[in-house]
Amino acid sequence: MEYFRSKIADFGIELKPLDGVPSVTKDTAIAIARHEVGGDRIAKDAEHITAMYTSLSDYPAGPGESPLTLPGTTRIMKDVPVWIVTFHGVHMLHSGSCMIDASGKQIPSTRDPYVFGDTNVVLDAETGEVLEGFSYNTPS
C-alpha cells in the first residue's frame, strides 16, 4: 500500500481505510475494469491484477483545495467508497505517434510510444460505475 501511495502522491488522490462490505464484489470490479481498459489486451499483458477497496478523495488542485467534481455530473469525489483495480506491468501508449509543433505541423516521434507501468481503474464500490482512471510508469 505504501508503494502505491508513493506512486500517486502527486496526483492529489487521498486514500483512507474503509470497513464494511461493498455492494460490488472484488471479482465484479475486476471484470468491469478489464472491459474498461480494452478487454483482454491489457489484462493479458498485466503481470498481475489487484483490487483495493478504499475511500478515495481526489484533489486535483492539491490538498486543501476543492475536491474534483466529475465532468458532466454533480458527483463530488470526496470520501467515495471505491474499488481501485490495478493492472500491474503493462505496456501503455505514452503519446501518439507524433508531436505537434507551435505552427500545428506534425513531427514524427523517434521514440517508442509505449511505456511500462501500471494502469488503474477507479469504480464506485456501490454501483460499479467507472469514475476515473490513472496510470504511472514503473521500472521495467
N, C-alpha and C. Protein backbone atom coordinates (compact mmCIF):
# COMPACT_ATOMS: atom_id res chain seq x y z
N MET A 1 0.83 -1.20 0.00
CA MET A 1 0.00 0.00 0.00
C MET A 1 0.87 1.26 0.00
N GLU A 2 1.99 1.23 0.72
CA GLU A 2 2.86 2.41 0.77
C GLU A 2 3.47 2.70 -0.60
N TYR A 3 3.85 1.63 -1.33
CA TYR A 3 4.40 1.82 -2.67
C TYR A 3 3.35 2.50 -3.55
N PHE A 4 2.13 2.01 -3.47
CA PHE A 4 1.03 2.58 -4.26
C PHE A 4 0.83 4.05 -3.90
N ARG A 5 0.80 4.35 -2.62
CA ARG A 5 0.63 5.74 -2.17
C ARG A 5 1.76 6.63 -2.70
N SER A 6 2.98 6.10 -2.74
CA SER A 6 4.11 6.90 -3.24
C SER A 6 3.96 7.19 -4.73
N LYS A 7 3.39 6.26 -5.48
CA LYS A 7 3.22 6.46 -6.92
C LYS A 7 2.14 7.49 -7.23
N ILE A 8 1.13 7.61 -6.36
CA ILE A 8 0.02 8.53 -6.64
C ILE A 8 0.10 9.82 -5.83
N ALA A 9 1.18 10.00 -5.09
CA ALA A 9 1.32 11.16 -4.20
C ALA A 9 1.13 12.49 -4.93
N ASP A 10 1.59 12.58 -6.16
CA ASP A 10 1.49 13.84 -6.91
C ASP A 10 0.17 14.01 -7.65
N PHE A 11 -0.71 13.02 -7.57
CA PHE A 11 -1.98 13.07 -8.29
C PHE A 11 -3.07 13.81 -7.52
N GLY A 12 -2.84 14.12 -6.24
CA GLY A 12 -3.88 14.76 -5.44
C GLY A 12 -4.94 13.78 -4.96
N ILE A 13 -4.61 12.50 -4.95
CA ILE A 13 -5.55 11.47 -4.52
C ILE A 13 -5.25 11.10 -3.08
N GLU A 14 -6.29 11.11 -2.26
CA GLU A 14 -6.16 10.75 -0.85
C GLU A 14 -6.95 9.46 -0.61
N LEU A 15 -6.31 8.49 0.02
CA LEU A 15 -6.96 7.21 0.32
C LEU A 15 -7.08 7.05 1.82
N LYS A 16 -8.20 6.47 2.25
CA LYS A 16 -8.41 6.16 3.66
C LYS A 16 -8.93 4.73 3.77
N PRO A 17 -8.54 4.04 4.84
CA PRO A 17 -9.07 2.69 5.05
C PRO A 17 -10.59 2.72 5.15
N LEU A 18 -11.20 1.64 4.74
CA LEU A 18 -12.66 1.57 4.75
C LEU A 18 -13.08 0.20 5.25
N ASP A 19 -13.97 0.18 6.22
CA ASP A 19 -14.53 -1.07 6.73
C ASP A 19 -15.84 -1.35 6.02
N GLY A 20 -16.34 -2.53 6.21
CA GLY A 20 -17.64 -2.87 5.64
C GLY A 20 -17.50 -3.73 4.40
N VAL A 21 -18.64 -4.06 3.84
CA VAL A 21 -18.69 -4.91 2.66
C VAL A 21 -19.33 -4.12 1.53
N PRO A 22 -18.61 -3.92 0.44
CA PRO A 22 -19.18 -3.15 -0.68
C PRO A 22 -20.26 -3.95 -1.41
N SER A 23 -21.15 -3.25 -2.09
CA SER A 23 -22.19 -3.91 -2.88
C SER A 23 -21.59 -4.64 -4.07
N VAL A 24 -20.55 -4.06 -4.67
CA VAL A 24 -19.87 -4.67 -5.82
C VAL A 24 -18.75 -5.56 -5.29
N THR A 25 -18.72 -6.81 -5.72
CA THR A 25 -17.67 -7.72 -5.26
C THR A 25 -16.34 -7.41 -5.95
N LYS A 26 -15.28 -7.91 -5.37
CA LYS A 26 -13.94 -7.74 -5.95
C LYS A 26 -13.89 -8.33 -7.36
N ASP A 27 -14.43 -9.53 -7.55
CA ASP A 27 -14.40 -10.17 -8.87
C ASP A 27 -15.19 -9.36 -9.90
N THR A 28 -16.32 -8.81 -9.50
CA THR A 28 -17.11 -7.99 -10.41
C THR A 28 -16.36 -6.71 -10.77
N ALA A 29 -15.71 -6.10 -9.78
CA ALA A 29 -14.93 -4.88 -10.03
C ALA A 29 -13.82 -5.16 -11.04
N ILE A 30 -13.13 -6.28 -10.89
CA ILE A 30 -12.06 -6.64 -11.83
C ILE A 30 -12.63 -6.86 -13.23
N ALA A 31 -13.77 -7.53 -13.33
CA ALA A 31 -14.39 -7.78 -14.64
C ALA A 31 -14.77 -6.46 -15.32
N ILE A 32 -15.34 -5.53 -14.57
CA ILE A 32 -15.71 -4.22 -15.13
C ILE A 32 -14.46 -3.48 -15.58
N ALA A 33 -13.42 -3.50 -14.76
CA ALA A 33 -12.17 -2.81 -15.10
C ALA A 33 -11.52 -3.42 -16.34
N ARG A 34 -11.54 -4.74 -16.47
CA ARG A 34 -11.00 -5.40 -17.67
C ARG A 34 -11.67 -4.86 -18.92
N HIS A 35 -12.98 -4.76 -18.86
CA HIS A 35 -13.75 -4.24 -20.00
C HIS A 35 -13.37 -2.79 -20.28
N GLU A 36 -13.21 -2.00 -19.24
CA GLU A 36 -12.90 -0.57 -19.38
C GLU A 36 -11.55 -0.33 -20.05
N VAL A 37 -10.56 -1.16 -19.74
CA VAL A 37 -9.22 -0.94 -20.30
C VAL A 37 -9.01 -1.63 -21.65
N GLY A 38 -10.06 -2.16 -22.20
CA GLY A 38 -9.93 -2.76 -23.53
C GLY A 38 -9.91 -4.26 -23.54
N GLY A 39 -10.51 -4.86 -22.53
CA GLY A 39 -10.64 -6.31 -22.52
C GLY A 39 -9.34 -7.03 -22.27
N ASP A 40 -9.12 -8.06 -23.06
CA ASP A 40 -8.00 -8.96 -22.81
C ASP A 40 -6.64 -8.40 -23.16
N ARG A 41 -6.56 -7.38 -24.03
CA ARG A 41 -5.25 -6.88 -24.44
C ARG A 41 -4.43 -6.43 -23.24
N ILE A 42 -4.95 -5.54 -22.43
CA ILE A 42 -4.24 -5.06 -21.25
C ILE A 42 -4.19 -6.15 -20.19
N ALA A 43 -5.30 -6.82 -19.98
CA ALA A 43 -5.36 -7.85 -18.93
C ALA A 43 -4.36 -8.97 -19.19
N LYS A 44 -4.18 -9.37 -20.46
CA LYS A 44 -3.22 -10.43 -20.78
C LYS A 44 -1.79 -9.95 -20.58
N ASP A 45 -1.53 -8.67 -20.87
CA ASP A 45 -0.19 -8.11 -20.70
C ASP A 45 0.18 -7.94 -19.23
N ALA A 46 -0.81 -7.76 -18.38
CA ALA A 46 -0.54 -7.46 -16.98
C ALA A 46 0.20 -8.60 -16.29
N GLU A 47 1.22 -8.23 -15.51
CA GLU A 47 1.93 -9.22 -14.71
C GLU A 47 1.00 -9.81 -13.67
N HIS A 48 0.18 -8.95 -13.08
CA HIS A 48 -0.89 -9.38 -12.18
C HIS A 48 -1.88 -8.23 -12.01
N ILE A 49 -3.03 -8.57 -11.45
CA ILE A 49 -4.12 -7.60 -11.26
C ILE A 49 -4.48 -7.61 -9.78
N THR A 50 -4.59 -6.40 -9.20
CA THR A 50 -5.03 -6.30 -7.81
C THR A 50 -6.24 -5.38 -7.73
N ALA A 51 -7.00 -5.53 -6.66
CA ALA A 51 -8.15 -4.66 -6.42
C ALA A 51 -8.14 -4.27 -4.95
N MET A 52 -8.27 -2.98 -4.69
CA MET A 52 -8.24 -2.46 -3.33
C MET A 52 -9.54 -1.71 -3.05
N TYR A 53 -10.21 -2.09 -1.97
CA TYR A 53 -11.41 -1.41 -1.52
C TYR A 53 -10.98 -0.31 -0.55
N THR A 54 -11.33 0.93 -0.85
CA THR A 54 -10.86 2.05 -0.04
C THR A 54 -11.79 3.25 -0.21
N SER A 55 -11.58 4.26 0.61
CA SER A 55 -12.26 5.54 0.46
C SER A 55 -11.32 6.47 -0.29
N LEU A 56 -11.82 7.11 -1.34
CA LEU A 56 -10.99 7.96 -2.18
C LEU A 56 -11.53 9.38 -2.21
N SER A 57 -10.61 10.33 -2.08
CA SER A 57 -10.90 11.74 -2.32
C SER A 57 -9.90 12.22 -3.36
N ASP A 58 -10.36 13.00 -4.32
CA ASP A 58 -9.49 13.46 -5.41
C ASP A 58 -9.43 14.98 -5.39
N TYR A 59 -8.23 15.50 -5.12
CA TYR A 59 -8.00 16.94 -5.05
C TYR A 59 -7.00 17.33 -6.14
N PRO A 60 -7.46 17.52 -7.39
CA PRO A 60 -6.52 17.79 -8.48
C PRO A 60 -5.71 19.07 -8.31
N ALA A 61 -6.24 20.05 -7.57
CA ALA A 61 -5.50 21.30 -7.35
C ALA A 61 -4.64 21.22 -6.10
N GLY A 62 -4.66 20.08 -5.43
CA GLY A 62 -3.82 19.89 -4.25
C GLY A 62 -4.64 19.85 -2.97
N PRO A 63 -4.02 19.34 -1.90
CA PRO A 63 -4.70 19.27 -0.60
C PRO A 63 -5.14 20.65 -0.14
N GLY A 64 -6.25 20.71 0.50
CA GLY A 64 -6.77 21.98 0.99
C GLY A 64 -7.61 22.71 -0.04
N GLU A 65 -7.64 22.21 -1.27
CA GLU A 65 -8.46 22.81 -2.32
C GLU A 65 -9.75 22.00 -2.47
N SER A 66 -10.62 22.43 -3.36
CA SER A 66 -11.88 21.73 -3.57
C SER A 66 -11.65 20.38 -4.23
N PRO A 67 -12.43 19.37 -3.82
CA PRO A 67 -12.31 18.07 -4.47
C PRO A 67 -12.87 18.12 -5.89
N LEU A 68 -12.45 17.17 -6.69
CA LEU A 68 -12.89 17.06 -8.08
C LEU A 68 -14.39 16.82 -8.16
N THR A 69 -15.04 17.53 -9.06
CA THR A 69 -16.41 17.21 -9.45
C THR A 69 -16.29 16.54 -10.81
N LEU A 70 -16.80 15.32 -10.93
CA LEU A 70 -16.66 14.60 -12.19
C LEU A 70 -17.29 15.39 -13.32
N PRO A 71 -16.59 15.53 -14.44
CA PRO A 71 -17.11 16.30 -15.57
C PRO A 71 -18.48 15.78 -16.03
N GLY A 72 -19.38 16.72 -16.28
CA GLY A 72 -20.71 16.37 -16.76
C GLY A 72 -21.65 15.85 -15.69
N THR A 73 -21.22 15.92 -14.42
CA THR A 73 -22.06 15.43 -13.32
C THR A 73 -21.99 16.42 -12.16
N THR A 74 -22.71 16.09 -11.11
CA THR A 74 -22.59 16.85 -9.86
C THR A 74 -21.87 16.00 -8.81
N ARG A 75 -21.27 14.90 -9.24
CA ARG A 75 -20.61 13.96 -8.34
C ARG A 75 -19.30 14.53 -7.82
N ILE A 76 -19.21 14.71 -6.51
CA ILE A 76 -18.01 15.24 -5.87
C ILE A 76 -17.18 14.07 -5.35
N MET A 77 -15.91 14.05 -5.73
CA MET A 77 -15.02 12.94 -5.39
C MET A 77 -14.37 13.16 -4.02
N LYS A 78 -15.18 13.06 -2.99
CA LYS A 78 -14.69 13.19 -1.61
C LYS A 78 -15.24 12.04 -0.79
N ASP A 79 -14.34 11.27 -0.20
CA ASP A 79 -14.70 10.13 0.65
C ASP A 79 -15.66 9.16 -0.05
N VAL A 80 -15.34 8.84 -1.29
CA VAL A 80 -16.17 7.93 -2.08
C VAL A 80 -15.67 6.50 -1.89
N PRO A 81 -16.55 5.57 -1.50
CA PRO A 81 -16.14 4.16 -1.41
C PRO A 81 -15.89 3.62 -2.81
N VAL A 82 -14.68 3.15 -3.06
CA VAL A 82 -14.30 2.71 -4.41
C VAL A 82 -13.52 1.40 -4.38
N TRP A 83 -13.48 0.78 -5.53
CA TRP A 83 -12.51 -0.26 -5.84
C TRP A 83 -11.50 0.40 -6.76
N ILE A 84 -10.22 0.26 -6.46
CA ILE A 84 -9.17 0.66 -7.39
C ILE A 84 -8.57 -0.63 -7.92
N VAL A 85 -8.81 -0.89 -9.20
CA VAL A 85 -8.29 -2.09 -9.84
C VAL A 85 -7.03 -1.70 -10.60
N THR A 86 -5.92 -2.37 -10.27
CA THR A 86 -4.62 -2.04 -10.86
C THR A 86 -4.14 -3.18 -11.73
N PHE A 87 -3.80 -2.84 -12.97
CA PHE A 87 -3.18 -3.77 -13.90
C PHE A 87 -1.69 -3.48 -13.86
N HIS A 88 -0.94 -4.36 -13.21
CA HIS A 88 0.49 -4.15 -12.96
C HIS A 88 1.33 -4.62 -14.15
N GLY A 89 2.32 -3.80 -14.51
CA GLY A 89 3.29 -4.20 -15.51
C GLY A 89 2.75 -4.33 -16.91
N VAL A 90 2.12 -3.28 -17.40
CA VAL A 90 1.58 -3.31 -18.77
C VAL A 90 2.30 -2.27 -19.63
N HIS A 91 2.27 -2.48 -20.93
CA HIS A 91 2.82 -1.51 -21.86
C HIS A 91 1.68 -0.61 -22.31
N MET A 92 1.79 0.68 -21.98
CA MET A 92 0.74 1.64 -22.27
C MET A 92 1.23 2.65 -23.29
N LEU A 93 0.31 3.14 -24.08
CA LEU A 93 0.64 4.18 -25.05
C LEU A 93 0.98 5.46 -24.28
N HIS A 94 2.20 5.95 -24.44
CA HIS A 94 2.66 7.17 -23.75
C HIS A 94 2.11 8.41 -24.43
N SER A 95 2.21 8.43 -25.73
CA SER A 95 1.71 9.55 -26.51
C SER A 95 1.44 9.04 -27.91
N GLY A 96 0.88 9.87 -28.73
CA GLY A 96 0.60 9.46 -30.10
C GLY A 96 1.89 9.23 -30.87
N SER A 97 1.73 8.89 -32.13
CA SER A 97 2.91 8.57 -32.95
C SER A 97 3.66 9.81 -33.40
N CYS A 98 3.12 10.99 -33.09
CA CYS A 98 3.82 12.21 -33.47
C CYS A 98 3.51 13.32 -32.47
N MET A 99 4.32 14.35 -32.53
CA MET A 99 4.08 15.55 -31.72
C MET A 99 3.66 16.65 -32.69
N ILE A 100 3.17 17.75 -32.15
CA ILE A 100 2.76 18.88 -32.98
C ILE A 100 3.54 20.10 -32.52
N ASP A 101 4.18 20.79 -33.48
CA ASP A 101 4.95 21.98 -33.11
C ASP A 101 4.01 23.19 -32.99
N ALA A 102 4.58 24.35 -32.67
CA ALA A 102 3.78 25.55 -32.41
C ALA A 102 2.95 25.98 -33.62
N SER A 103 3.39 25.63 -34.83
CA SER A 103 2.65 26.03 -36.03
C SER A 103 1.54 25.03 -36.37
N GLY A 104 1.47 23.92 -35.63
CA GLY A 104 0.47 22.90 -35.91
C GLY A 104 0.97 21.79 -36.80
N LYS A 105 2.24 21.85 -37.19
CA LYS A 105 2.83 20.83 -38.06
C LYS A 105 3.19 19.59 -37.23
N GLN A 106 2.87 18.41 -37.77
CA GLN A 106 3.18 17.17 -37.08
C GLN A 106 4.66 16.84 -37.21
N ILE A 107 5.26 16.41 -36.11
CA ILE A 107 6.66 15.99 -36.08
C ILE A 107 6.66 14.52 -35.68
N PRO A 108 7.09 13.63 -36.58
CA PRO A 108 7.10 12.20 -36.23
C PRO A 108 7.98 11.94 -35.01
N SER A 109 7.52 11.07 -34.14
CA SER A 109 8.27 10.72 -32.94
C SER A 109 9.31 9.67 -33.29
N THR A 110 10.48 9.79 -32.70
CA THR A 110 11.54 8.80 -32.92
C THR A 110 11.67 7.87 -31.73
N ARG A 111 10.86 8.08 -30.71
CA ARG A 111 10.97 7.21 -29.54
C ARG A 111 9.79 6.24 -29.50
N ASP A 112 9.98 5.18 -28.75
CA ASP A 112 8.94 4.18 -28.57
C ASP A 112 7.73 4.84 -27.91
N PRO A 113 6.55 4.76 -28.54
CA PRO A 113 5.39 5.44 -27.96
C PRO A 113 4.81 4.73 -26.74
N TYR A 114 5.38 3.58 -26.36
CA TYR A 114 4.86 2.83 -25.23
C TYR A 114 5.78 2.95 -24.02
N VAL A 115 5.18 2.94 -22.85
CA VAL A 115 5.93 2.93 -21.60
C VAL A 115 5.45 1.74 -20.78
N PHE A 116 6.28 1.33 -19.84
CA PHE A 116 5.96 0.22 -18.96
C PHE A 116 5.44 0.79 -17.65
N GLY A 117 4.32 0.30 -17.16
CA GLY A 117 3.80 0.83 -15.91
C GLY A 117 2.56 0.12 -15.44
N ASP A 118 1.85 0.79 -14.56
CA ASP A 118 0.61 0.27 -14.00
C ASP A 118 -0.52 1.19 -14.44
N THR A 119 -1.65 0.61 -14.78
CA THR A 119 -2.82 1.41 -15.10
C THR A 119 -3.92 1.03 -14.12
N ASN A 120 -4.68 2.04 -13.69
CA ASN A 120 -5.67 1.87 -12.63
C ASN A 120 -7.04 2.34 -13.08
N VAL A 121 -8.06 1.59 -12.68
CA VAL A 121 -9.44 1.96 -12.94
C VAL A 121 -10.12 2.12 -11.59
N VAL A 122 -10.79 3.26 -11.39
CA VAL A 122 -11.48 3.55 -10.13
C VAL A 122 -12.97 3.37 -10.36
N LEU A 123 -13.58 2.47 -9.57
CA LEU A 123 -15.01 2.18 -9.71
C LEU A 123 -15.74 2.48 -8.42
N ASP A 124 -16.96 2.97 -8.54
CA ASP A 124 -17.83 3.15 -7.39
C ASP A 124 -18.11 1.77 -6.80
N ALA A 125 -17.81 1.57 -5.53
CA ALA A 125 -17.95 0.26 -4.89
C ALA A 125 -19.40 -0.11 -4.61
N GLU A 126 -20.31 0.85 -4.77
CA GLU A 126 -21.72 0.56 -4.53
C GLU A 126 -22.49 0.31 -5.83
N THR A 127 -22.05 0.94 -6.94
CA THR A 127 -22.79 0.82 -8.20
C THR A 127 -22.01 0.13 -9.31
N GLY A 128 -20.69 0.10 -9.21
CA GLY A 128 -19.85 -0.45 -10.27
C GLY A 128 -19.55 0.54 -11.38
N GLU A 129 -20.02 1.77 -11.25
CA GLU A 129 -19.77 2.80 -12.26
C GLU A 129 -18.27 3.14 -12.28
N VAL A 130 -17.71 3.24 -13.49
CA VAL A 130 -16.32 3.66 -13.63
C VAL A 130 -16.27 5.17 -13.42
N LEU A 131 -15.46 5.60 -12.46
CA LEU A 131 -15.40 7.01 -12.10
C LEU A 131 -14.21 7.73 -12.74
N GLU A 132 -13.06 7.11 -12.72
CA GLU A 132 -11.87 7.72 -13.30
C GLU A 132 -10.79 6.66 -13.45
N GLY A 133 -9.69 7.07 -14.05
CA GLY A 133 -8.56 6.18 -14.21
C GLY A 133 -7.27 6.98 -14.19
N PHE A 134 -6.18 6.31 -13.88
CA PHE A 134 -4.87 6.95 -13.89
C PHE A 134 -3.80 5.89 -14.08
N SER A 135 -2.66 6.33 -14.58
CA SER A 135 -1.54 5.42 -14.83
C SER A 135 -0.25 6.07 -14.39
N TYR A 136 0.78 5.26 -14.21
CA TYR A 136 2.10 5.77 -13.87
C TYR A 136 3.15 4.78 -14.36
N ASN A 137 4.34 5.30 -14.63
CA ASN A 137 5.46 4.46 -15.05
C ASN A 137 6.00 3.69 -13.86
N THR A 138 6.54 2.52 -14.14
CA THR A 138 7.26 1.74 -13.14
C THR A 138 8.55 1.26 -13.78
N PRO A 139 9.56 0.95 -12.98
CA PRO A 139 10.79 0.42 -13.58
C PRO A 139 10.50 -0.90 -14.28
N SER A 140 11.05 -1.09 -15.47
CA SER A 140 10.79 -2.34 -16.20
C SER A 140 11.86 -3.37 -15.92
